Amino acid sequence: MSTFFENTTKRTTVPFRYDVVGSFLRPQVIKDAREKFTAGEITQVELSQIEDEQIKKLVVKQKEVGLKAVTDGEFRRSYWHLDFFWGFDGVDHVILDHGYFFNGEETRADSARLSGKINFTNHPFLNHYSFLQQVVGSDAIARQTIPAPAQFFAELVRGENEKEIAKFYSEREDLYKDISAAYRKAILAFYELGCRNIQLDDCTWGMLCDQNFWSTMAGEGYDVKELQNLYLRLNNDAIADLPEDLIVTTHVCRGNYHSTWATSGGYDPVAQTLLGRENVSAYYLEYDTDRAGDFSPLKHVSGDKLVVLGLISSKTGELEDKSKIIARVKEAAQYIPTDRLCLSPQCGFASTEEGNILTEEQQWNKLAFIKEIAEELWG
């Protein structure tokens, strides 16, 4: 097969030339079951059985479309991030006065707030991963997606949550250490179950790319560089000295809720810190619209780290123009070698259980389209 990019190696581990971020549209049967569970009409066991069956079907579909790293679609979660936070010791599920503000929409108002010292002793996601790994088998990688430590901190200081911190931490330094330590314990627990690919989903960097966030969310005395260094420290401390065969990647976007977005701005303000100093193996980066800026920040990607270009939108069912996508990959290749580039959607298809506005058929067509382009580019 002739390809656009010659002298590139075949990828045999994460990330793959055509890849996926993680979440998938929830089947209606899961949505119905969750409503019945909330209403007390079915038990947790019955809900889990329904989720199990749908995850089995999802894994089959992912393999059929050619994915080599698969997830459980986040089918057991309501949110991409909050469900994980609620599993830590010392964290409560609370309802705030308002949700997250997206472009033209407001989410539900759930949040995570401290109720004690942060620790990791057990977590429902461990059983979820064990089930996924068993279903996936040996012919694909069972990927575990979790929100990044920086995202956890951002939630703990969100709005009225922040005033609770002083009840349990007289020094912020102790809070930072506990966040990273709890995450490291969690990651190692997944590793002990056989996990070899952890993905840290992280919107904090996308927020820092947006000047409106700086002025309206951070308040007086806000220092963007100081916050970048804190986010970097939280993430890097959590993934320090992990087993060599555990691949840790990160996904960065600007919000993904019901086909809307939260922030805008290119990667320039955070590129040197995020792309140059975060100790991950690869970056899954949103690049499906002009809101993410140009590719020039990719020149800051350090070492031999890879970049998965999120050029295909998960927010709409319409397929992109293939020639334009190929042209954009070539453009990115001006800043980073083609052998260190891959292709994916810019985010998951359902970062929350509401999901984006497209059909399941369109969702699978998007992934088949990504595979088609990747094979044309890299073979």
Protein backbone atom coordinates (compact mmCIF):
# COMPACT_ATOMS: atom_id res chain seq x y z
CA MET A 1 0.00 0.00 0.00
CA SER A 2 1.40 3.41 -0.96
CA THR A 3 1.27 6.02 1.76
CA PHE A 4 1.84 9.75 2.09
CA PHE A 5 4.41 9.30 4.84
CA GLU A 6 7.32 7.04 3.95
CA ASN A 7 9.85 5.66 6.43
CA THR A 8 7.42 5.60 9.35
CA THR A 9 7.27 2.64 11.68
CA LYS A 10 4.22 0.52 12.37
CA ARG A 11 2.81 1.31 15.82
CA THR A 12 2.45 -1.77 18.01
CA THR A 13 1.58 0.00 21.25
CA VAL A 14 -0.24 3.06 22.55
CA PRO A 15 -0.87 5.43 20.93
CA PHE A 16 -1.87 3.81 17.65
CA ARG A 17 -2.02 5.59 14.30
CA TYR A 18 -5.83 5.60 14.55
CA ASP A 19 -6.99 5.89 18.10
CA VAL A 20 -9.85 6.95 20.33
CA VAL A 21 -10.14 9.14 23.43
CA GLY A 22 -12.46 6.90 25.43
CA SER A 23 -16.13 7.66 25.97
CA PHE A 24 -18.96 6.42 23.74
CA LEU A 25 -22.62 7.30 23.40
CA ARG A 26 -24.64 5.51 26.07
CA PRO A 27 -27.10 3.00 24.58
CA GLN A 28 -30.70 3.79 25.40
CA VAL A 29 -30.97 0.61 27.45
CA ILE A 30 -28.32 1.97 29.84
CA LYS A 31 -30.02 5.37 30.08
CA ASP A 32 -33.33 3.66 30.86
CA ALA A 33 -31.71 1.39 33.44
CA ARG A 34 -30.04 4.30 35.22
CA GLU A 35 -33.37 6.10 35.44
CA LYS A 36 -34.99 3.00 36.90
CA PHE A 37 -32.15 2.60 39.39
CA THR A 38 -32.47 6.23 40.50
CA ALA A 39 -36.21 5.69 40.93
CA GLY A 40 -35.59 2.57 43.01
CA GLU A 41 -37.19 0.27 40.43
CA ILE A 42 -34.10 -1.92 39.93
CA THR A 43 -31.14 -2.84 42.14
CA GLN A 44 -27.47 -2.00 41.71
CA VAL A 45 -26.86 -5.62 40.76
CA GLU A 46 -29.48 -5.43 38.00
CA LEU A 47 -28.04 -2.13 36.73
CA SER A 48 -24.53 -3.59 36.68
CA GLN A 49 -25.71 -6.62 34.71
CA ILE A 50 -27.18 -4.36 32.05
CA GLU A 51 -23.97 -2.32 31.93
CA ASP A 52 -21.93 -5.52 31.66
CA GLU A 53 -23.85 -6.71 28.62
CA GLN A 54 -23.60 -3.37 26.86
CA ILE A 55 -19.86 -3.09 27.57
CA LYS A 56 -19.34 -6.54 26.05
CA LYS A 57 -21.12 -5.37 22.89
CA LEU A 58 -19.11 -2.15 22.87
CA VAL A 59 -15.79 -3.99 23.05
CA VAL A 60 -16.79 -6.13 20.09
CA LYS A 61 -17.74 -3.02 18.09
CA GLN A 62 -14.45 -1.30 18.91
CA LYS A 63 -12.48 -4.29 17.70
CA GLU A 64 -14.62 -4.54 14.57
CA VAL A 65 -13.80 -0.93 13.67
CA GLY A 66 -10.11 -1.74 14.08
CA LEU A 67 -9.22 -0.17 17.43
CA LYS A 68 -6.24 -1.76 19.18
CA ALA A 69 -6.78 0.09 22.48
CA VAL A 70 -10.34 -0.12 23.76
CA THR A 71 -12.30 1.23 26.74
CA ASP A 72 -15.55 0.45 28.51
CA GLY A 73 -16.97 3.61 26.94
CA GLU A 74 -17.28 5.07 30.45
CA PHE A 75 -20.71 3.39 30.43
CA ARG A 76 -20.81 3.12 34.22
CA ARG A 77 -20.13 6.83 34.75
CA SER A 78 -22.30 9.88 34.78
CA TYR A 79 -19.35 12.23 34.26
CA TRP A 80 -15.90 11.70 32.79
CA HIS A 81 -14.28 13.08 35.93
CA LEU A 82 -16.55 13.42 38.95
CA ASP A 83 -17.33 9.71 39.35
CA PHE A 84 -13.62 9.04 39.78
CA PHE A 85 -13.18 11.83 42.33
CA TRP A 86 -16.09 10.50 44.41
CA GLY A 87 -14.24 7.20 44.83
CA PHE A 88 -11.40 8.73 46.85
CA ASP A 89 -11.44 8.72 50.64
CA GLY A 90 -12.23 12.18 52.00
CA VAL A 91 -14.37 13.31 49.06
CA ASP A 92 -18.13 13.92 49.02
CA HIS A 93 -20.62 14.13 46.16
CA VAL A 94 -22.27 17.56 46.45
CA ILE A 95 -24.62 19.75 44.43
CA LEU A 96 -23.54 23.34 43.80
CA ASP A 97 -25.68 26.36 42.99
CA HIS A 98 -24.86 25.97 39.29
CA GLY A 99 -23.19 23.60 36.88
CA TYR A 100 -20.35 24.18 34.44
CA PHE A 101 -21.01 26.91 31.90
CA PHE A 102 -20.56 25.87 28.28
CA ASN A 103 -21.27 27.76 25.09
CA GLY A 104 -25.04 28.22 25.36
CA GLU A 105 -25.63 25.45 27.92
CA GLU A 106 -25.21 24.76 31.61
CA THR A 107 -24.50 21.27 32.89
CA ARG A 108 -25.95 19.57 35.93
CA ALA A 109 -24.59 21.00 39.16
CA ASP A 110 -22.80 17.97 40.67
CA SER A 111 -19.36 18.46 42.15
CA ALA A 112 -16.73 16.94 44.47
CA ARG A 113 -15.85 18.49 47.83
CA LEU A 114 -13.50 17.57 50.63
CA SER A 115 -14.96 15.83 53.68
CA GLY A 116 -11.64 14.69 55.13
CA LYS A 117 -8.05 13.93 54.23
CA ILE A 118 -7.57 12.58 50.71
CA ASN A 119 -6.49 8.97 50.36
CA PHE A 120 -6.90 5.97 48.10
CA THR A 121 -7.76 2.67 49.77
CA ASN A 122 -10.24 1.15 47.32
CA HIS A 123 -12.28 2.34 44.37
CA PRO A 124 -15.21 1.02 42.31
CA PHE A 125 -13.24 1.68 39.12
CA LEU A 126 -10.92 -1.21 40.01
CA ASN A 127 -13.72 -3.75 39.61
CA HIS A 128 -14.82 -1.94 36.46
CA TYR A 129 -11.35 -2.33 35.00
CA SER A 130 -11.10 -6.00 35.94
CA PHE A 131 -14.32 -6.66 34.04
CA LEU A 132 -13.11 -4.71 31.00
CA GLN A 133 -9.79 -6.52 30.88
CA GLN A 134 -11.52 -9.90 31.06
CA VAL A 135 -13.83 -8.95 28.19
CA VAL A 136 -11.08 -7.46 26.02
CA GLY A 137 -8.82 -10.49 26.17
CA SER A 138 -5.35 -10.61 24.69
CA ASP A 139 -5.91 -9.16 21.21
CA ALA A 140 -6.27 -5.53 22.29
CA ILE A 141 -5.17 -3.18 25.08
CA ALA A 142 -7.71 -2.42 27.81
CA ARG A 143 -7.24 1.31 28.40
CA GLN A 144 -8.19 2.98 31.68
CA THR A 145 -9.16 6.64 31.41
CA ILE A 146 -9.18 8.81 34.53
CA PRO A 147 -9.26 12.57 35.11
CA ALA A 148 -5.86 14.09 35.83
CA PRO A 149 -4.67 15.11 39.31
CA ALA A 150 -4.70 18.75 38.17
CA GLN A 151 -8.38 18.35 37.26
CA PHE A 152 -9.09 17.00 40.75
CA PHE A 153 -7.46 20.04 42.33
CA ALA A 154 -9.40 22.37 40.02
CA GLU A 155 -12.65 20.78 41.22
CA LEU A 156 -11.71 21.06 44.89
CA VAL A 157 -11.17 24.82 44.54
CA ARG A 158 -14.21 25.36 42.32
CA GLY A 159 -16.62 27.92 43.78
CA GLU A 160 -17.81 27.24 47.30
CA ASN A 161 -15.82 23.99 47.46
CA GLU A 162 -12.63 25.86 48.22
CA LYS A 163 -13.63 27.04 51.69
CA GLU A 164 -13.83 23.42 52.86
CA ILE A 165 -10.15 22.79 52.22
CA ALA A 166 -8.94 24.70 55.29
CA LYS A 167 -10.98 22.40 57.55
CA PHE A 168 -8.69 19.51 56.66
CA TYR A 169 -5.50 21.13 55.37
CA SER A 170 -3.88 24.04 57.18
CA GLU A 171 -1.15 24.00 54.54
CA ARG A 172 -1.85 23.73 50.82
CA GLU A 173 1.44 21.89 50.44
CA ASP A 174 -0.04 18.93 52.31
CA LEU A 175 -3.08 18.96 50.02
CA TYR A 176 -0.87 18.84 46.93
CA LYS A 177 1.11 15.93 48.30
CA ASP A 178 -2.02 13.97 49.22
CA ILE A 179 -3.57 14.46 45.77
CA SER A 180 -0.52 13.14 43.95
CA ALA A 181 -0.01 10.31 46.47
CA ALA A 182 -3.63 9.14 46.20
CA TYR A 183 -3.39 9.16 42.42
CA ARG A 184 -0.16 7.23 42.44
CA LYS A 185 -1.76 4.58 44.66
CA ALA A 186 -4.72 4.39 42.28
CA ILE A 187 -2.53 4.04 39.20
CA LEU A 188 -0.48 1.29 40.82
CA ALA A 189 -3.68 -0.50 41.84
CA PHE A 190 -4.79 -0.53 38.20
CA TYR A 191 -1.34 -1.78 37.24
CA GLU A 192 -1.60 -4.68 39.67
CA LEU A 193 -4.81 -5.69 37.89
CA GLY A 194 -2.91 -5.83 34.60
CA CYS A 195 -3.49 -2.33 33.27
CA ARG A 196 -0.68 -1.13 31.03
CA ASN A 197 -2.24 2.05 29.62
CA ILE A 198 -3.51 4.92 31.79
CA GLN A 199 -4.90 8.03 30.13
CA LEU A 200 -5.12 11.24 32.16
CA ASP A 201 -7.97 13.40 30.86
CA ASP A 202 -7.19 17.02 31.61
CA CYS A 203 -9.20 20.14 30.75
CA THR A 204 -7.16 22.39 33.05
CA TRP A 205 -4.68 23.25 30.31
CA GLY A 206 -7.49 24.09 27.91
CA MET A 207 -8.89 26.48 30.52
CA LEU A 208 -5.49 28.16 30.88
CA CYS A 209 -5.43 28.76 27.12
CA ASP A 210 -8.52 30.96 27.43
CA GLN A 211 -8.08 34.60 28.46
CA ASN A 212 -11.73 34.72 29.55
CA PHE A 213 -11.02 31.94 32.02
CA TRP A 214 -8.08 33.86 33.41
CA SER A 215 -10.21 36.93 34.10
CA THR A 216 -13.53 35.40 35.19
CA MET A 217 -12.65 32.08 36.85
CA ALA A 218 -9.38 32.70 38.62
CA GLY A 219 -10.14 35.89 40.53
CA GLU A 220 -7.78 38.58 41.77
CA GLY A 221 -4.07 37.93 42.10
CA TYR A 222 -4.12 35.09 39.63
CA ASP A 223 -0.72 34.03 38.29
CA VAL A 224 -1.03 31.85 35.20
CA LYS A 225 2.58 30.65 35.34
CA GLU A 226 2.27 29.69 38.99
CA LEU A 227 -0.87 27.70 38.29
CA GLN A 228 0.77 25.96 35.32
CA ASN A 229 3.65 24.89 37.52
CA LEU A 230 1.23 23.59 40.15
CA TYR A 231 -0.75 21.58 37.59
CA LEU A 232 2.50 20.19 36.20
CA ARG A 233 3.73 19.23 39.65
CA LEU A 234 0.47 17.51 40.64
CA ASN A 235 0.48 15.45 37.46
CA ASN A 236 4.18 14.63 37.35
CA ASP A 237 4.37 13.65 41.02
CA ALA A 238 1.46 11.26 40.52
CA ILE A 239 3.17 9.45 37.64
CA ALA A 240 6.74 9.48 38.94
CA ASP A 241 8.69 6.22 39.18
CA LEU A 242 5.97 4.00 37.73
CA PRO A 243 6.74 0.59 36.15
CA GLU A 244 8.43 0.95 32.78
CA ASP A 245 5.81 -1.09 30.95
CA LEU A 246 2.96 1.19 32.04
CA ILE A 247 2.24 3.75 29.31
CA VAL A 248 0.78 7.00 30.65
CA THR A 249 -0.72 9.45 28.16
CA THR A 250 -2.84 12.56 28.55
CA HIS A 251 -5.78 14.07 26.71
CA VAL A 252 -6.30 17.83 26.61
CA CYS A 253 -9.44 19.56 25.37
CA ARG A 254 -11.60 22.63 25.88
CA GLY A 255 -14.79 21.05 27.14
CA ASN A 256 -17.12 18.52 25.56
CA TYR A 257 -20.74 18.53 26.70
CA HIS A 258 -23.81 17.86 24.54
CA SER A 259 -21.83 18.97 21.46
CA THR A 260 -20.88 22.30 23.06
CA TRP A 261 -17.56 23.67 24.30
CA ALA A 262 -16.33 25.65 27.30
CA THR A 263 -13.10 27.46 26.39
CA SER A 264 -11.10 28.69 23.41
CA GLY A 265 -7.51 29.56 22.64
CA GLY A 266 -4.39 28.04 21.13
CA TYR A 267 -1.84 26.04 23.12
CA ASP A 268 0.79 28.78 23.06
CA PRO A 269 0.33 29.97 26.69
CA VAL A 270 0.89 26.45 28.09
CA ALA A 271 2.99 24.72 25.44
CA GLN A 272 6.41 24.99 27.07
CA THR A 273 5.09 23.66 30.37
CA LEU A 274 2.60 21.06 29.16
CA LEU A 275 4.29 19.81 26.01
CA GLY A 276 7.84 20.33 27.18
CA ARG A 277 7.74 19.18 30.79
CA GLU A 278 4.83 16.87 31.54
CA ASN A 279 6.25 13.35 31.81
CA VAL A 280 3.76 11.45 29.68
CA SER A 281 4.41 9.35 26.59
CA ALA A 282 1.88 11.05 24.34
CA TYR A 283 -0.59 13.92 24.10
CA TYR A 284 -4.10 13.55 22.68
CA LEU A 285 -4.78 17.14 21.61
CA GLU A 286 -7.99 18.84 20.51
CA TYR A 287 -7.50 20.28 17.04
CA ASP A 288 -10.89 19.97 15.33
CA THR A 289 -11.66 23.71 15.11
CA ASP A 290 -9.88 27.05 14.91
CA ARG A 291 -10.58 27.47 18.63
CA ALA A 292 -7.51 25.29 19.32
CA GLY A 293 -5.15 27.51 17.34
CA ASP A 294 -2.42 26.42 14.94
CA PHE A 295 0.18 23.66 15.18
CA SER A 296 3.22 25.82 15.97
CA PRO A 297 3.10 24.97 19.74
CA LEU A 298 3.97 21.38 18.78
CA LYS A 299 7.59 22.49 18.38
CA HIS A 300 7.74 22.42 22.20
CA VAL A 301 6.98 18.68 22.45
CA SER A 302 10.06 17.29 24.15
CA GLY A 303 12.02 14.08 23.75
CA ASP A 304 10.43 11.34 21.66
CA LYS A 305 6.86 11.93 22.89
CA LEU A 306 4.01 11.44 20.43
CA VAL A 307 1.05 13.64 19.54
CA VAL A 308 -2.37 12.28 18.64
CA LEU A 309 -4.05 14.93 16.54
CA GLY A 310 -7.72 15.31 17.46
CA LEU A 311 -8.72 16.56 14.03
CA ILE A 312 -12.02 14.70 13.76
CA SER A 313 -14.92 16.19 15.70
CA SER A 314 -16.88 14.01 18.11
CA LYS A 315 -19.44 16.81 18.46
CA THR A 316 -21.09 16.32 15.07
CA GLY A 317 -22.03 13.32 12.96
CA GLU A 318 -21.02 14.89 9.66
CA LEU A 319 -17.81 13.46 8.23
CA GLU A 320 -15.02 15.93 7.59
CA ASP A 321 -13.41 16.55 4.20
CA LYS A 322 -10.68 13.91 3.94
CA SER A 323 -8.39 16.09 1.85
CA LYS A 324 -8.53 18.85 4.45
CA ILE A 325 -7.71 16.45 7.27
CA ILE A 326 -4.74 15.06 5.34
CA ALA A 327 -3.56 18.61 4.63
CA ARG A 328 -3.75 19.47 8.32
CA VAL A 329 -1.75 16.40 9.34
CA LYS A 330 0.90 17.44 6.82
CA GLU A 331 0.84 20.91 8.31
CA ALA A 332 1.40 19.51 11.81
CA ALA A 333 4.31 17.51 10.41
CA GLN A 334 6.18 20.77 9.89
CA TYR A 335 6.65 20.92 13.66
CA ILE A 336 6.97 17.27 14.71
CA PRO A 337 8.13 14.22 12.73
CA THR A 338 5.41 12.22 11.01
CA ASP A 339 6.50 9.08 12.84
CA ARG A 340 5.44 10.74 16.10
CA LEU A 341 1.96 11.69 14.87
CA CYS A 342 -1.34 9.79 15.13
CA LEU A 343 -5.02 10.58 14.55
CA SER A 344 -8.16 10.49 16.73
CA PRO A 345 -11.37 12.36 17.53
CA GLN A 346 -10.79 15.57 19.49
CA CYS A 347 -12.59 14.08 22.51
CA GLY A 348 -14.91 11.27 23.51
CA PHE A 349 -18.42 10.97 22.14
CA ALA A 350 -20.07 11.26 25.56
CA SER A 351 -17.99 12.98 28.24
CA THR A 352 -21.17 12.90 30.30
CA GLU A 353 -24.05 10.48 30.08
CA GLU A 354 -26.06 13.02 28.04
CA GLY A 355 -23.71 12.44 25.12
CA ASN A 356 -23.03 14.54 22.05
CA ILE A 357 -25.62 15.19 19.36
CA LEU A 358 -25.01 12.43 16.83
CA THR A 359 -26.20 8.86 16.34
CA GLU A 360 -24.39 5.67 17.27
CA GLU A 361 -24.06 4.88 13.56
CA GLN A 362 -22.40 8.26 12.97
CA GLN A 363 -20.10 7.60 15.93
CA TRP A 364 -18.83 4.37 14.37
CA ASN A 365 -18.59 5.98 10.94
CA LYS A 366 -16.29 8.60 12.45
CA LEU A 367 -13.93 5.95 13.77
CA ALA A 368 -13.94 4.03 10.48
CA PHE A 369 -13.15 7.33 8.74
CA ILE A 370 -10.18 7.93 11.06
CA LYS A 371 -8.84 4.46 10.32
CA GLU A 372 -9.22 5.04 6.57
CA ILE A 373 -7.26 8.29 6.73
CA ALA A 374 -4.57 6.89 9.00
CA GLU A 375 -3.96 3.91 6.72
CA GLU A 376 -3.73 6.26 3.75
CA LEU A 377 -1.17 8.38 5.59
CA TRP A 378 0.93 5.85 7.46
CA GLY A 379 -0.04 2.49 5.97
